[in-house]
Each structure stands twice: as structure tokens, then as C-alpha cells.
């Protein structure tokens, strides 16, 4: 059970406080309700570019890292297709430094051509290194547009193409900032050796005067139901052939999400999982194989990926995966196997409640989903899933006409 207090500033900033007197540390986590799905299809990669720009200095604080390092703090951030999240950990006695830093860049990020040029080249280099010049690096640049034809999940957080970042102007960047980086579009979570009253005073002092704009109303196009199997084959300079199959599945807020997540664990969590035991160990068809979810806020993807061993044809490997999926569609998972995966999920949740940063990030994320208190019912949602729900969900998801398959072949 993660306890918290909540209040909202007049400018729309939601603030959650988790008091934990067992640690001398504090965490300040700011979640902005903006991700790659909010980008203009002709100007992609902006949410991720902003993650970099936010460390490029604000009007009053030219170097973000220096003052934080002086007070023993650390920071980082990540961008997904749904959110952008910034976090600071530091000794709680220096809590105000974090408020000063976060509020200043929310109020007045330094928009200089120089900062944009520096961060643009960093992001372009990352695009080349991680996505274009690395084995299998461009897989998601191919899978997303295969699976999504309408919804903006069709591009990765790095963007559709390098040109979109290369051609980003200072005006484009300012517009994006004003639209998404304001108090009404943010959730601030403060946790650790703090008091709610103290956080309230600091929040009002540092964030209260930042103008609040109205929250952006999303009107994203829904992905129509896929009605035919999609397939693609690419050849590249990679060490082994690889096989990727993705299926459309329920969104993060749908109750079907929990049975889908358990299915991914039944298939590939640990050495006793079905894909590992049957296809890797017993039949020796794959060198590695995994099943996981994208966990997207809108309808996401169930992903199966594996590398067949040399000498195993792609067709044999793919057929073996489908055999495992058909079992889930026709047979009930036995109670012992189901209990085992539920226990693993429960222990993961318990461990995440021990880590201060995890707690802060989870509170912010569940507040975005509708109510931070959902974090405290999350384990129950998994434990209540039945074998029948798992079979029904497998039948819903694992259909050929709901699949997109990529053969990634070594030259």
C-alpha cells in the first residue's frame, strides 16, 4: 500500500506527496502528459527532442546539472509514445533545489538556436547509432507502420525519419513547448523524507506563479480493426535471422490488459515459461525468444520475437510459435502454472513499493490513468484473472488476421 496526499494548484498543476520517513532522500518526479502520439505526423520526434532540450538550460539557470550535483542530486528522464517523465533524487534537506530547477525550466526554457543545434545533433546521432547503424535497430521503425495505419503509434519516439529533427525550427519547438509543457499538463510527485505541508509551500512558491494554459484535448484517430494478415521480409547485415510478430491488444486501462500481461508471462517469463522450455530447450529451435507488451495507453501491441538457430527455417520457427499460441486458445492454463506467474507479478509489485523512485513514478503514471490510488489495486487486478479469461483473451488476440509479421533475414 502506497499512501499519498493530493492537491491541485490554481494553475492546474496536480501535486502528489508520499511521506516516507525511513529514508534521508527525496524524489521529485514530473510527468508531462505528452508523448510521440501527440506529434504532427510531418514533425515527429519532438517529444524526445524535448527530453534533451529540457537539460539544455533555462533562462535563469544556464546549466541544469551543476547546481544539482553540488547538492548531491542525480537526474534523468525518458520519453515514450505516451508520456515524458523527468526525475530528480537528492538528499531531502536540499529539496528546494529540485523545485527551483524544475519550475524554472517549466516556466522559461532557454530557446536559443545554439541549444537547439546542440540537442538536434545529439538526437540525430542517437537516431543513427541506435536505429540505423545497429543490428536490428530499425525493427520498430518497420513494425510500427506495419501494425498501425491510422493511429500515431505508427512512429517510434525517435521519430519517423531523421529529416523531421534535422529540419526542426525554433518556432516549431516553442509551439510544442507552449502546448504541452505547462502546469495543467503535468503531474508533480514528491516522495521521501518530506512533509505534505512543506511540499505545499514549496509548490506554491516555485510553481504557483507559472501561467496555466488549458489542457490539450486529444482527438487521436482510433486504429481500425485489422482484418488481414500483414507480412514483410527485410535483408540486413545482422548475425542471425530474426522473427517478429505483433498483435493488436487492449489498452492500458482496459481490464483485458491484465490477462494479456499474464499471457506474456506464461509464454516467456523465466526458464520454466512455455516458449523457453518448449521451443528453446526441448525442440532447440531458437537461440532466444520473448513475449511482451508495449503497455500503451491506447490500444497496444502484444509482441513475440525470436532468433531461430542456424539451420532452422523461418517457416518452421513461426509454425512452432503458432502451436504454442493455439494451445492457449484451446486449453485452460492449469492452476499451478497460473498461480506461479501471478506470484511473480505480486513479488515484482512488492519490490517496486520498496524503491522510492519507483513509487513516485508509479503514482504519477496511475494518476495519469485516472487516479493514483489505482496503484494500490493493481496487484488485485492480476490476482483476480481466471483461466477462462486467459483463454478468451488468447482467442481474441492470436488471430492471423490480427497479426503483422516481419522476417528479418541475415544477408
Protein backbone atom coordinates (compact mmCIF):
# COMPACT_ATOMS: atom_id res chain seq x y z
CA UNK A 1 0.00 0.00 0.00
CA UNK A 2 1.49 3.33 -1.10
CA UNK A 3 -0.01 6.24 0.82
CA UNK A 4 -0.15 9.76 -0.60
CA UNK A 5 -1.79 13.17 -0.31
CA UNK A 6 -3.03 15.11 -3.32
CA UNK A 7 -3.67 18.79 -4.02
CA UNK A 8 -4.05 20.91 -7.15
CA UNK A 9 -2.65 24.42 -7.66
CA UNK A 10 -4.90 27.11 -9.23
CA UNK A 11 -2.87 26.89 -12.46
CA UNK A 12 -3.84 23.22 -12.84
CA UNK A 13 -0.66 21.52 -11.60
CA UNK A 14 -1.52 18.27 -9.81
CA UNK A 15 0.76 17.54 -6.86
CA UNK A 16 1.03 14.21 -5.03
CA UNK A 17 3.06 13.73 -1.84
CA UNK A 18 4.27 10.40 -0.48
CA UNK A 19 5.79 10.72 3.00
CA UNK A 20 8.45 8.10 3.76
CA UNK A 21 10.43 8.89 6.91
CA UNK A 22 12.58 5.73 6.57
CA UNK A 23 14.93 7.41 4.09
CA UNK A 24 17.02 10.61 4.16
CA UNK A 25 16.38 11.06 0.43
CA UNK A 26 13.68 12.73 -1.62
CA UNK A 27 12.42 12.24 -5.16
CA UNK A 28 10.86 14.91 -7.33
CA UNK A 29 9.15 13.40 -10.38
CA UNK A 30 7.46 15.47 -13.09
CA UNK A 31 5.33 13.62 -15.62
CA UNK A 32 4.21 15.60 -18.67
CA UNK A 33 1.16 14.21 -20.45
CA UNK A 34 2.83 14.29 -23.85
CA UNK A 35 4.46 11.60 -25.96
CA UNK A 36 5.20 10.74 -29.55
CA UNK A 37 1.49 10.12 -30.20
CA UNK A 38 0.88 13.89 -29.76
CA UNK A 39 3.17 14.93 -32.59
CA UNK A 40 2.29 16.27 -36.01
CA UNK A 41 2.80 13.37 -38.48
CA UNK A 42 5.06 15.68 -40.51
CA UNK A 43 7.09 16.79 -37.46
CA UNK A 44 7.84 13.66 -35.46
CA UNK A 45 10.47 13.06 -32.78
CA UNK A 46 9.63 16.31 -30.94
CA UNK A 47 8.68 14.78 -27.58
CA UNK A 48 12.03 13.01 -27.47
CA UNK A 49 13.89 16.11 -28.70
CA UNK A 50 12.31 17.99 -25.82
CA UNK A 51 13.58 15.49 -23.32
CA UNK A 52 17.06 16.60 -24.44
CA UNK A 53 16.24 20.31 -24.71
CA UNK A 54 14.95 20.33 -21.12
CA UNK A 55 18.52 19.69 -19.95
CA UNK A 56 19.94 22.46 -22.13
CA UNK A 57 19.43 25.16 -19.51
CA UNK A 58 16.64 27.61 -18.68
CA UNK A 59 16.62 31.41 -18.73
CA UNK A 60 17.79 31.77 -15.10
CA UNK A 61 19.83 28.57 -14.82
CA UNK A 62 22.23 28.11 -17.76
CA UNK A 63 23.48 24.72 -16.52
CA UNK A 64 20.88 22.31 -15.19
CA UNK A 65 23.27 19.66 -13.86
CA UNK A 66 25.79 21.77 -11.95
CA UNK A 67 23.59 23.09 -9.11
CA UNK A 68 22.07 19.64 -8.68
CA UNK A 69 25.44 17.89 -8.44
CA UNK A 70 26.56 20.43 -5.83
CA UNK A 71 23.73 19.31 -3.51
CA UNK A 72 24.30 15.58 -4.09
CA UNK A 73 21.47 15.09 -6.57
CA UNK A 74 21.01 12.98 -9.70
CA UNK A 75 18.52 13.30 -12.52
CA UNK A 76 17.32 11.63 -15.66
CA UNK A 77 14.33 11.39 -17.98
CA UNK A 78 12.62 9.17 -20.51
CA UNK A 79 10.12 9.59 -23.34
CA UNK A 80 7.59 7.05 -24.58
CA UNK A 81 4.82 7.18 -27.16
CA UNK A 82 2.52 8.31 -24.33
CA UNK A 83 4.46 10.33 -21.74
CA UNK A 84 7.62 12.27 -20.96
CA UNK A 85 8.94 11.82 -17.42
CA UNK A 86 11.68 13.76 -15.58
CA UNK A 87 13.01 12.81 -12.15
CA UNK A 88 15.46 14.02 -9.54
CA UNK A 89 16.74 12.16 -6.47
CA UNK A 90 18.60 14.16 -3.81
CA UNK A 91 19.05 14.43 -0.03
CA UNK A 92 15.73 15.72 1.33
CA UNK A 93 17.47 18.60 3.12
CA UNK A 94 18.15 20.02 -0.36
CA UNK A 95 14.61 19.51 -1.66
CA UNK A 96 14.13 23.16 -2.62
CA UNK A 97 16.93 22.93 -5.19
CA UNK A 98 14.85 20.42 -7.15
CA UNK A 99 11.78 22.69 -7.04
CA UNK A 100 13.89 25.63 -8.24
CA UNK A 101 15.32 23.65 -11.17
CA UNK A 102 12.06 22.01 -12.30
CA UNK A 103 9.96 25.16 -12.00
CA UNK A 104 12.43 27.31 -13.89
CA UNK A 105 12.54 25.07 -16.92
CA UNK A 106 8.74 24.69 -16.91
CA UNK A 107 8.40 28.50 -16.80
CA UNK A 108 11.22 29.60 -19.07
CA UNK A 109 13.23 27.08 -21.03
CA UNK A 110 16.11 28.79 -22.83
CA UNK A 111 15.18 28.67 -26.50
CA UNK A 112 18.41 29.51 -28.26
CA UNK A 113 19.48 28.47 -31.72
CA UNK A 114 22.67 27.19 -30.13
CA UNK A 115 20.87 24.90 -27.64
CA UNK A 116 18.57 23.62 -30.39
CA UNK A 117 21.53 22.98 -32.69
CA UNK A 118 23.43 21.06 -29.98
CA UNK A 119 20.49 18.88 -28.94
CA UNK A 120 19.36 18.36 -32.52
CA UNK A 121 22.76 16.95 -33.43
CA UNK A 122 22.73 14.74 -30.28
CA UNK A 123 19.33 13.31 -31.24
CA UNK A 124 20.32 12.84 -34.89
CA UNK A 125 23.43 10.98 -33.75
CA UNK A 126 21.30 8.80 -31.46
CA UNK A 127 18.96 8.07 -34.40
CA UNK A 128 21.91 6.90 -36.49
CA UNK A 129 23.69 4.96 -33.71
CA UNK A 130 20.73 3.17 -32.13
CA UNK A 131 18.28 2.82 -35.00
CA UNK A 132 20.14 2.88 -38.30
CA UNK A 133 23.65 1.52 -37.63
CA UNK A 134 22.91 -1.16 -35.06
CA UNK A 135 21.84 -4.75 -35.87
CA UNK A 136 18.02 -5.00 -35.67
CA UNK A 137 17.98 -1.31 -34.63
CA UNK A 138 15.33 -0.34 -37.16
CA UNK A 139 12.91 -3.15 -36.29
CA UNK A 140 10.39 -0.81 -34.64
CA UNK A 141 10.74 1.70 -37.46
CA UNK A 142 9.33 -1.13 -39.61
CA UNK A 143 6.92 -2.87 -37.20
CA UNK A 144 5.01 0.21 -36.06
CA UNK A 145 3.89 1.36 -39.53
CA UNK A 146 3.04 -2.26 -40.36
CA UNK A 147 0.74 -2.60 -37.36
CA UNK A 148 -0.69 0.93 -37.23
CA UNK A 149 -2.14 2.52 -40.34
CA UNK A 150 -4.14 5.33 -38.69
CA UNK A 151 -3.15 5.88 -35.06
CA UNK A 152 0.03 7.93 -34.36
CA UNK A 153 1.62 4.90 -32.69
CA UNK A 154 2.79 4.25 -36.25
CA UNK A 155 6.08 6.02 -35.49
CA UNK A 156 8.69 5.41 -32.77
CA UNK A 157 9.65 8.03 -30.17
CA UNK A 158 12.83 8.85 -32.10
CA UNK A 159 10.58 9.92 -34.99
CA UNK A 160 9.63 8.62 -38.44
CA UNK A 161 12.65 9.95 -40.29
CA UNK A 162 15.84 11.82 -39.47
CA UNK A 163 14.76 14.82 -41.55
CA UNK A 164 11.96 15.76 -39.12
CA UNK A 165 14.52 16.54 -36.41
CA UNK A 166 17.10 17.98 -38.80
CA UNK A 167 14.52 20.46 -40.07
CA UNK A 168 13.00 21.41 -36.66
CA UNK A 169 12.87 25.20 -36.32
CA UNK A 170 12.94 27.30 -33.16
CA UNK A 171 9.29 28.29 -33.84
CA UNK A 172 8.24 24.62 -34.09
CA UNK A 173 9.96 23.95 -30.79
CA UNK A 174 8.41 26.94 -29.00
CA UNK A 175 4.91 25.97 -30.18
CA UNK A 176 5.34 22.41 -28.95
CA UNK A 177 6.61 23.65 -25.58
CA UNK A 178 3.76 26.09 -25.02
CA UNK A 179 1.16 23.50 -25.94
CA UNK A 180 2.42 20.64 -23.77
CA UNK A 181 4.90 21.86 -21.14
CA UNK A 182 2.68 23.77 -18.75
CA UNK A 183 1.25 23.15 -15.26
CA UNK A 184 -2.16 21.93 -16.47
CA UNK A 185 -0.45 19.18 -18.47
CA UNK A 186 1.87 17.99 -15.67
CA UNK A 187 1.76 15.80 -12.57
CA UNK A 188 4.33 16.52 -9.85
CA UNK A 189 5.08 13.76 -7.34
CA UNK A 190 7.30 14.39 -4.33
CA UNK A 191 8.28 11.45 -2.15
CA UNK A 192 10.66 10.55 0.67
CA UNK A 193 11.65 12.35 3.84
CA UNK A 194 9.20 15.20 3.23
CA UNK A 195 6.04 16.62 4.83
CA UNK A 196 2.92 17.46 2.85
CA UNK A 197 2.70 20.98 4.31
CA UNK A 198 6.34 21.64 3.38
CA UNK A 199 5.71 20.41 -0.20
CA UNK A 200 2.58 22.57 -0.44
CA UNK A 201 4.55 25.69 0.49
CA UNK A 202 7.34 24.87 -1.96
CA UNK A 203 4.89 24.04 -4.76
CA UNK A 204 3.04 27.32 -4.29
CA UNK A 205 6.30 29.28 -4.05
CA UNK A 206 8.00 27.79 -7.12
CA UNK A 207 5.16 26.62 -9.41
CA UNK A 208 2.20 28.75 -8.31
CA UNK A 209 3.05 31.77 -10.48
CA UNK A 210 3.62 29.79 -13.70
CA UNK A 211 0.72 30.57 -16.08
CA UNK A 212 -1.62 27.61 -16.56
CA UNK A 213 -2.99 27.02 -20.03
CA UNK A 214 -5.95 24.81 -20.71
CA UNK A 215 -5.12 21.13 -21.03
CA UNK A 216 -4.82 19.92 -24.60
CA UNK A 217 -7.88 17.96 -25.70
CA UNK A 218 -6.71 14.86 -27.51
CA UNK A 219 -8.59 13.75 -30.56
CA UNK A 220 -6.38 10.97 -31.90
CA UNK A 221 -7.69 8.77 -34.70
CA UNK A 222 -8.56 5.26 -33.44
CA UNK A 223 -6.85 2.37 -35.20
CA UNK A 224 -9.48 0.41 -37.15
CA UNK A 225 -9.66 -3.32 -36.51
CA UNK A 226 -7.11 -5.19 -38.58
CA UNK A 227 -8.83 -7.62 -40.95
CA UNK A 228 -5.96 -9.26 -42.81
CA UNK A 229 -2.57 -10.69 -42.02
CA UNK A 230 0.37 -8.42 -42.85
CA UNK A 231 3.84 -9.71 -43.70
CA UNK A 232 7.17 -8.22 -44.67
CA UNK A 233 10.69 -9.55 -45.27
CA UNK A 234 13.86 -7.50 -45.00
CA UNK A 235 17.52 -8.43 -45.52
CA UNK A 236 20.25 -6.80 -43.48
CA UNK A 237 23.77 -7.21 -42.22
CA UNK A 238 22.86 -8.97 -38.96
CA UNK A 239 24.36 -12.05 -37.26
CA UNK A 240 21.18 -14.17 -37.14
CA UNK A 241 17.75 -14.31 -38.75
CA UNK A 242 15.04 -12.84 -36.51
CA UNK A 243 11.28 -13.25 -36.42
CA UNK A 244 8.83 -10.63 -35.09
CA UNK A 245 5.06 -10.98 -34.86
CA UNK A 246 2.85 -8.33 -33.28
CA UNK A 247 -0.87 -8.45 -32.46
CA UNK A 248 -3.26 -5.66 -31.54
CA UNK A 249 -4.40 -5.93 -27.90
CA UNK A 250 -6.39 -3.89 -25.33
CA UNK A 251 -5.27 -0.51 -24.00
CA UNK A 252 -3.63 0.01 -20.59
CA UNK A 253 -6.92 1.00 -18.95
CA UNK A 254 -8.86 -1.97 -20.32
CA UNK A 255 -9.41 -4.90 -17.97
CA UNK A 256 -8.24 -7.20 -20.78
CA UNK A 257 -4.77 -5.72 -20.28
CA UNK A 258 -4.18 -7.85 -17.16
CA UNK A 259 -4.96 -11.20 -18.79
CA UNK A 260 -2.80 -10.18 -21.78
CA UNK A 261 0.11 -9.36 -19.48
CA UNK A 262 -0.23 -12.70 -17.70
CA UNK A 263 -0.23 -14.47 -21.09
CA UNK A 264 3.10 -12.82 -21.93
CA UNK A 265 4.50 -14.12 -18.62
CA UNK A 266 3.15 -17.63 -19.19
CA UNK A 267 4.88 -17.61 -22.57
CA UNK A 268 8.23 -16.12 -21.68
CA UNK A 269 8.91 -15.09 -18.08
CA UNK A 270 11.73 -17.19 -16.71
CA UNK A 271 13.25 -20.55 -17.57
CA UNK A 272 10.06 -22.50 -16.83
CA UNK A 273 7.98 -20.43 -19.27
CA UNK A 274 6.44 -22.19 -22.26
CA UNK A 275 8.43 -20.64 -25.11
CA UNK A 276 11.73 -21.08 -23.30
CA UNK A 277 11.00 -24.65 -22.21
CA UNK A 278 9.36 -25.96 -25.36
CA UNK A 279 10.98 -24.08 -28.26
CA UNK A 280 14.39 -23.19 -26.91
CA UNK A 281 15.26 -26.03 -24.54
CA UNK A 282 13.34 -29.07 -25.79
CA UNK A 283 12.95 -28.56 -29.53
CA UNK A 284 16.11 -26.39 -29.86
CA UNK A 285 14.56 -24.11 -32.47
CA UNK A 286 15.60 -20.71 -31.08
CA UNK A 287 18.67 -19.14 -29.53
CA UNK A 288 16.40 -16.62 -27.80
CA UNK A 289 12.66 -15.94 -27.70
CA UNK A 290 10.49 -13.42 -25.88
CA UNK A 291 6.90 -12.27 -25.48
CA UNK A 292 6.00 -8.85 -24.07
CA UNK A 293 3.53 -5.96 -24.34
CA UNK A 294 4.07 -2.36 -25.38
CA UNK A 295 1.81 -1.37 -22.45
CA UNK A 296 0.45 1.61 -24.39
CA UNK A 297 -2.24 3.93 -23.04
CA UNK A 298 -4.24 3.48 -26.25
CA UNK A 299 -4.71 0.03 -27.78
CA UNK A 300 -1.22 -1.50 -27.80
CA UNK A 301 0.68 -4.45 -29.20
CA UNK A 302 1.44 -7.95 -27.97
CA UNK A 303 4.92 -8.76 -29.27
CA UNK A 304 6.61 -12.09 -29.99
CA UNK A 305 10.22 -12.01 -31.12
CA UNK A 306 12.82 -14.71 -31.52
CA UNK A 307 16.03 -15.65 -33.27
CA UNK A 308 15.89 -19.13 -34.84
CA UNK A 309 19.06 -21.19 -34.55
CA UNK A 310 21.18 -21.53 -37.72
CA UNK A 311 19.69 -24.21 -39.94
CA UNK A 312 16.12 -23.72 -38.66
CA UNK A 313 13.89 -22.25 -41.34
CA UNK A 314 11.74 -19.21 -40.56
CA UNK A 315 8.63 -21.17 -41.51
CA UNK A 316 9.39 -23.97 -39.01
CA UNK A 317 10.17 -21.44 -36.29
CA UNK A 318 6.98 -19.47 -36.92
CA UNK A 319 4.82 -22.60 -37.02
CA UNK A 320 6.23 -23.68 -33.65
CA UNK A 321 5.23 -20.33 -32.10
CA UNK A 322 1.71 -20.66 -33.50
CA UNK A 323 1.44 -24.15 -31.99
CA UNK A 324 2.06 -22.61 -28.56
CA UNK A 325 -0.48 -19.84 -29.20
CA UNK A 326 -3.11 -22.35 -30.30
CA UNK A 327 -2.68 -24.25 -27.01
CA UNK A 328 -3.53 -21.06 -25.11
CA UNK A 329 -6.62 -20.61 -27.29
CA UNK A 330 -7.93 -24.15 -26.79
CA UNK A 331 -6.77 -25.32 -23.36
CA UNK A 332 -7.16 -23.76 -19.93
CA UNK A 333 -3.91 -22.84 -18.21
CA UNK A 334 -3.50 -25.22 -15.27
CA UNK A 335 -3.97 -23.67 -11.81
CA UNK A 336 -0.38 -24.30 -10.72
CA UNK A 337 1.10 -22.51 -13.75
CA UNK A 338 -1.31 -19.59 -13.34
CA UNK A 339 -0.54 -19.24 -9.63
CA UNK A 340 3.18 -19.24 -10.40
CA UNK A 341 3.02 -16.30 -12.83
CA UNK A 342 0.68 -14.40 -10.50
CA UNK A 343 3.15 -14.86 -7.63
CA UNK A 344 5.95 -13.46 -9.79
CA UNK A 345 3.88 -10.39 -10.64
CA UNK A 346 2.96 -9.92 -6.98
CA UNK A 347 6.62 -10.04 -5.89
CA UNK A 348 7.55 -7.51 -8.63
CA UNK A 349 4.86 -5.16 -7.32
CA UNK A 350 6.06 -5.57 -3.72
CA UNK A 351 9.66 -4.79 -4.73
CA UNK A 352 8.57 -1.69 -6.65
CA UNK A 353 6.88 -0.46 -3.46
CA UNK A 354 10.25 -0.56 -1.70
CA UNK A 355 12.03 1.73 -4.14
CA UNK A 356 11.30 5.41 -3.63
CA UNK A 357 11.80 6.43 -7.25
CA UNK A 358 9.59 3.56 -8.49
CA UNK A 359 6.85 4.63 -6.10
CA UNK A 360 6.99 8.23 -7.29
CA UNK A 361 6.94 7.27 -10.97
CA UNK A 362 4.11 4.78 -10.43
CA UNK A 363 1.99 7.32 -8.53
CA UNK A 364 2.42 9.81 -11.38
CA UNK A 365 1.57 7.20 -14.01
CA UNK A 366 -1.56 5.93 -12.26
CA UNK A 367 -2.70 9.50 -11.60
CA UNK A 368 -2.44 9.98 -15.36
CA UNK A 369 -4.51 6.82 -15.87
CA UNK A 370 -7.25 8.39 -13.75
CA UNK A 371 -6.37 8.01 -10.07
CA UNK A 372 -3.04 7.38 -8.30
CA UNK A 373 -4.89 5.07 -5.90
CA UNK A 374 -5.22 2.57 -8.77
CA UNK A 375 -1.61 1.67 -7.94
CA UNK A 376 -2.87 0.06 -4.74
CA UNK A 377 -5.40 -2.16 -6.54
CA UNK A 378 -3.06 -3.16 -9.37
CA UNK A 379 -1.90 -6.45 -7.80
CA UNK A 380 -5.52 -7.48 -7.12
CA UNK A 381 -6.37 -6.92 -10.80
CA UNK A 382 -3.78 -9.55 -11.73
CA UNK A 383 -4.70 -11.99 -8.96
CA UNK A 384 -8.36 -12.00 -9.99
CA UNK A 385 -7.70 -13.07 -13.61
CA UNK A 386 -9.16 -16.53 -14.30
CA UNK A 387 -8.00 -19.31 -16.62
CA UNK A 388 -11.15 -18.73 -18.67
CA UNK A 389 -10.29 -15.03 -19.15
CA UNK A 390 -6.83 -16.02 -20.31
CA UNK A 391 -8.20 -18.45 -22.86
CA UNK A 392 -10.75 -15.89 -24.09
CA UNK A 393 -8.10 -13.20 -24.40
CA UNK A 394 -5.80 -15.57 -26.32
CA UNK A 395 -8.67 -16.24 -28.72
CA UNK A 396 -9.23 -12.50 -29.17
CA UNK A 397 -5.60 -11.61 -29.78
CA UNK A 398 -3.92 -14.55 -31.51
CA UNK A 399 -5.64 -14.49 -34.86
CA UNK A 400 -3.78 -14.48 -38.20
CA UNK A 401 -5.84 -11.51 -39.42
CA UNK A 402 -4.79 -9.56 -36.29
CA UNK A 403 -1.07 -10.17 -36.88
CA UNK A 404 1.82 -8.37 -38.55
CA UNK A 405 4.93 -10.50 -39.10
CA UNK A 406 8.42 -9.35 -40.01
CA UNK A 407 11.09 -11.75 -41.25
CA UNK A 408 14.43 -10.05 -40.59
CA UNK A 409 16.97 -12.09 -42.55
CA UNK A 410 20.75 -12.09 -42.36
CA UNK A 411 22.46 -11.32 -45.66
